[in-house]
Amino acid sequence: NITYKNVPNSTASTTSVTLTTNCGDIKFDLDAKAPKTAAIMSFLVKNKYFDATKCHRLTTEGIYVLQCGDPTGTGSGGPGFQFADENLPGTAGNYVYPRGTVAMANSGADTNGSQFFLVYKDSPLPPSYSVWGKITEGLDILDAVAGAGVADGSGDGEPAQAVTIATATAQ
């Protein structure tokens, strides 16, 4: 069982994460300005928390993200603990999260768990999502998934092109 008390405070040996998906590999570097988030997420990766999970949400209108990290695949699952925000990009209004950003999904301040989103096109959002990585490989994969659209034809929902994380590895 993964519990918050087992999570280390440092990611000294982890600098990047690779998501090996059924669509191809997506690699991102961890942001040094988010050490606790990077440590927790690296810990989950190393404990195979994300292996065999699907990316459950794609948005194609207004904001442009693929959301992953929910072991239930429903958008409501998580690791059973929450942790504080860090490395927020601003304090008020909207901020444009640039293409290639990896940030935590949440349900309010300091409610980070395991869900995260990958930005495939600049997206205006409130500055309330902890930025913890930058995509270095695989943006073409995200573009292809986005190009296939949302399964129900709307702008927000399950991706038409299913994306499953076979394995996640930390380097």
Protein backbone atom coordinates (compact mmCIF):
# COMPACT_ATOMS: atom_id res chain seq x y z
CA ASN A 1 0.00 0.00 0.00
CA ILE A 2 1.18 3.48 -0.85
CA THR A 3 0.76 5.97 1.95
CA TYR A 4 1.84 9.57 2.25
CA LYS A 5 4.21 8.75 5.13
CA ASN A 6 6.21 6.50 2.78
CA VAL A 7 6.88 9.33 0.32
CA PRO A 8 10.44 10.67 0.31
CA ASN A 9 11.22 14.39 0.48
CA SER A 10 13.81 14.38 -2.28
CA THR A 11 14.12 13.38 -5.92
CA ALA A 12 17.88 13.71 -6.00
CA SER A 13 18.23 10.75 -8.34
CA THR A 14 15.22 11.47 -10.56
CA THR A 15 15.36 14.06 -13.33
CA SER A 16 12.84 12.75 -15.88
CA VAL A 17 9.85 10.48 -16.37
CA THR A 18 8.90 8.42 -19.42
CA LEU A 19 5.34 7.31 -20.02
CA THR A 20 5.37 4.31 -22.33
CA THR A 21 1.90 4.32 -23.87
CA ASN A 22 0.09 2.31 -26.52
CA CYS A 23 0.52 5.40 -28.75
CA GLY A 24 4.26 5.87 -28.12
CA ASP A 25 6.59 7.30 -25.49
CA ILE A 26 6.08 10.66 -23.80
CA LYS A 27 9.09 11.91 -21.88
CA PHE A 28 9.35 14.93 -19.64
CA ASP A 29 11.96 16.55 -17.43
CA LEU A 30 11.06 17.32 -13.83
CA ASP A 31 10.98 20.95 -12.69
CA ALA A 32 13.45 21.73 -9.90
CA LYS A 33 11.05 24.43 -8.66
CA ALA A 34 8.56 21.72 -7.64
CA PRO A 35 10.71 19.40 -5.49
CA LYS A 36 7.93 17.94 -3.31
CA THR A 37 5.59 17.34 -6.24
CA ALA A 38 8.42 15.78 -8.23
CA ALA A 39 9.38 13.58 -5.26
CA ILE A 40 5.82 12.36 -4.72
CA MET A 41 5.14 11.72 -8.39
CA SER A 42 8.52 9.99 -8.85
CA PHE A 43 7.72 7.84 -5.84
CA LEU A 44 4.40 6.83 -7.43
CA VAL A 45 6.17 6.10 -10.74
CA LYS A 46 8.80 3.94 -9.03
CA ASN A 47 6.04 2.03 -7.22
CA LYS A 48 4.32 1.29 -10.58
CA TYR A 49 1.25 3.31 -9.58
CA PHE A 50 0.63 4.53 -13.14
CA ASP A 51 1.34 1.23 -14.92
CA ALA A 52 -1.66 -0.12 -16.90
CA THR A 53 -3.74 3.03 -16.36
CA LYS A 54 -5.57 5.02 -19.00
CA CYS A 55 -5.54 8.73 -19.68
CA HIS A 56 -9.20 9.45 -19.06
CA ARG A 57 -9.76 13.03 -20.23
CA LEU A 58 -9.00 15.05 -23.35
CA THR A 59 -10.00 18.68 -23.82
CA THR A 60 -10.07 20.19 -27.30
CA GLU A 61 -11.92 23.49 -26.74
CA GLY A 62 -10.72 26.43 -24.64
CA ILE A 63 -7.97 24.42 -22.96
CA TYR A 64 -5.88 21.72 -24.59
CA VAL A 65 -4.79 18.95 -22.26
CA LEU A 66 -4.66 15.20 -21.88
CA GLN A 67 -5.31 14.19 -18.27
CA CYS A 68 -3.85 11.01 -16.78
CA GLY A 69 -2.91 9.57 -13.40
CA ASP A 70 -6.21 8.19 -12.15
CA PRO A 71 -5.90 4.45 -11.47
CA THR A 72 -9.69 4.06 -11.79
CA GLY A 73 -9.79 5.81 -15.17
CA THR A 74 -12.87 7.78 -14.09
CA GLY A 75 -11.40 11.13 -13.06
CA SER A 76 -12.23 10.62 -9.40
CA GLY A 77 -9.46 8.26 -8.29
CA GLY A 78 -6.24 9.02 -6.48
CA PRO A 79 -3.58 7.68 -4.14
CA GLY A 80 -5.55 8.16 -0.91
CA PHE A 81 -3.65 11.29 0.16
CA GLN A 82 -3.41 14.91 -0.91
CA PHE A 83 -0.52 17.35 -0.86
CA ALA A 84 0.12 21.07 -1.07
CA ASP A 85 0.51 23.17 -4.20
CA GLU A 86 3.93 24.41 -5.23
CA ASN A 87 5.43 26.19 -8.22
CA LEU A 88 2.16 27.89 -9.12
CA PRO A 89 2.68 30.17 -12.13
CA GLY A 90 0.83 33.20 -10.74
CA THR A 91 -1.62 34.49 -8.18
CA ALA A 92 -4.72 35.83 -9.97
CA GLY A 93 -6.60 35.79 -13.25
CA ASN A 94 -5.63 33.35 -15.97
CA TYR A 95 -2.17 32.16 -16.90
CA VAL A 96 -1.30 30.57 -20.23
CA TYR A 97 0.18 27.15 -19.51
CA PRO A 98 2.52 26.70 -22.48
CA ARG A 99 2.56 23.71 -24.82
CA GLY A 100 4.68 20.98 -23.23
CA THR A 101 3.78 21.79 -19.60
CA VAL A 102 3.13 18.96 -17.15
CA ALA A 103 0.98 20.10 -14.21
CA MET A 104 -1.06 18.59 -11.41
CA ALA A 105 -4.83 18.32 -11.73
CA ASN A 106 -6.72 19.15 -8.56
CA SER A 107 -10.13 19.93 -7.07
CA GLY A 108 -9.02 23.09 -5.26
CA ALA A 109 -6.08 24.50 -3.37
CA ASP A 110 -3.71 21.91 -1.88
CA THR A 111 -5.68 18.88 -3.18
CA ASN A 112 -3.01 17.33 -5.42
CA GLY A 113 -3.05 13.54 -5.58
CA SER A 114 -1.90 11.53 -8.58
CA GLN A 115 -3.75 13.08 -11.50
CA PHE A 116 -1.82 15.31 -13.86
CA PHE A 117 -2.27 16.88 -17.26
CA LEU A 118 -0.10 17.22 -20.34
CA VAL A 119 -0.57 20.48 -22.25
CA TYR A 120 -0.43 19.95 -26.04
CA LYS A 121 -1.38 23.53 -26.99
CA ASP A 122 -1.04 26.78 -25.02
CA SER A 123 -3.96 26.79 -22.54
CA PRO A 124 -5.37 29.65 -20.46
CA LEU A 125 -6.18 28.39 -16.97
CA PRO A 126 -6.27 29.85 -13.47
CA PRO A 127 -2.74 29.79 -12.02
CA SER A 128 -3.74 27.08 -9.54
CA TYR A 129 -2.05 24.01 -10.97
CA SER A 130 1.41 22.98 -9.76
CA VAL A 131 3.84 22.83 -12.68
CA TRP A 132 6.22 19.91 -12.20
CA GLY A 133 7.56 19.04 -15.65
CA LYS A 134 8.22 19.95 -19.27
CA ILE A 135 7.69 17.52 -22.15
CA THR A 136 10.88 16.84 -24.10
CA GLU A 137 9.65 14.01 -26.35
CA GLY A 138 6.22 12.88 -27.50
CA LEU A 139 4.36 16.09 -28.27
CA ASP A 140 3.63 14.58 -31.69
CA ILE A 141 1.84 11.74 -29.91
CA LEU A 142 -0.31 14.20 -27.98
CA ASP A 143 -1.06 16.06 -31.22
CA ALA A 144 -2.25 12.81 -32.83
CA VAL A 145 -4.45 11.93 -29.85
CA ALA A 146 -5.93 15.45 -29.85
CA GLY A 147 -6.44 15.23 -33.60
CA ALA A 148 -8.65 12.17 -33.12
CA GLY A 149 -10.86 14.21 -30.79
CA VAL A 150 -13.09 13.29 -27.89
CA ALA A 151 -15.00 9.99 -28.08
CA ASP A 152 -18.46 11.55 -27.75
CA GLY A 153 -17.71 14.40 -30.15
CA SER A 154 -17.73 17.06 -27.43
CA GLY A 155 -14.75 19.19 -26.47
CA ASP A 156 -14.14 17.50 -23.10
CA GLY A 157 -14.24 13.80 -22.29
CA GLU A 158 -12.68 10.43 -22.95
CA PRO A 159 -10.23 10.54 -25.86
CA ALA A 160 -11.45 8.87 -29.08
CA GLN A 161 -7.93 7.43 -29.43
CA ALA A 162 -7.55 5.48 -26.20
CA VAL A 163 -4.29 6.22 -24.38
CA THR A 164 -3.04 3.66 -21.88
CA ILE A 165 0.16 4.05 -19.87
CA ALA A 166 1.71 0.60 -20.11
CA THR A 167 4.60 1.60 -17.86
CA ALA A 168 5.94 4.77 -16.32
CA THR A 169 9.64 4.95 -15.50
CA ALA A 170 11.74 7.50 -13.65
CA GLN A 171 15.31 8.23 -14.72
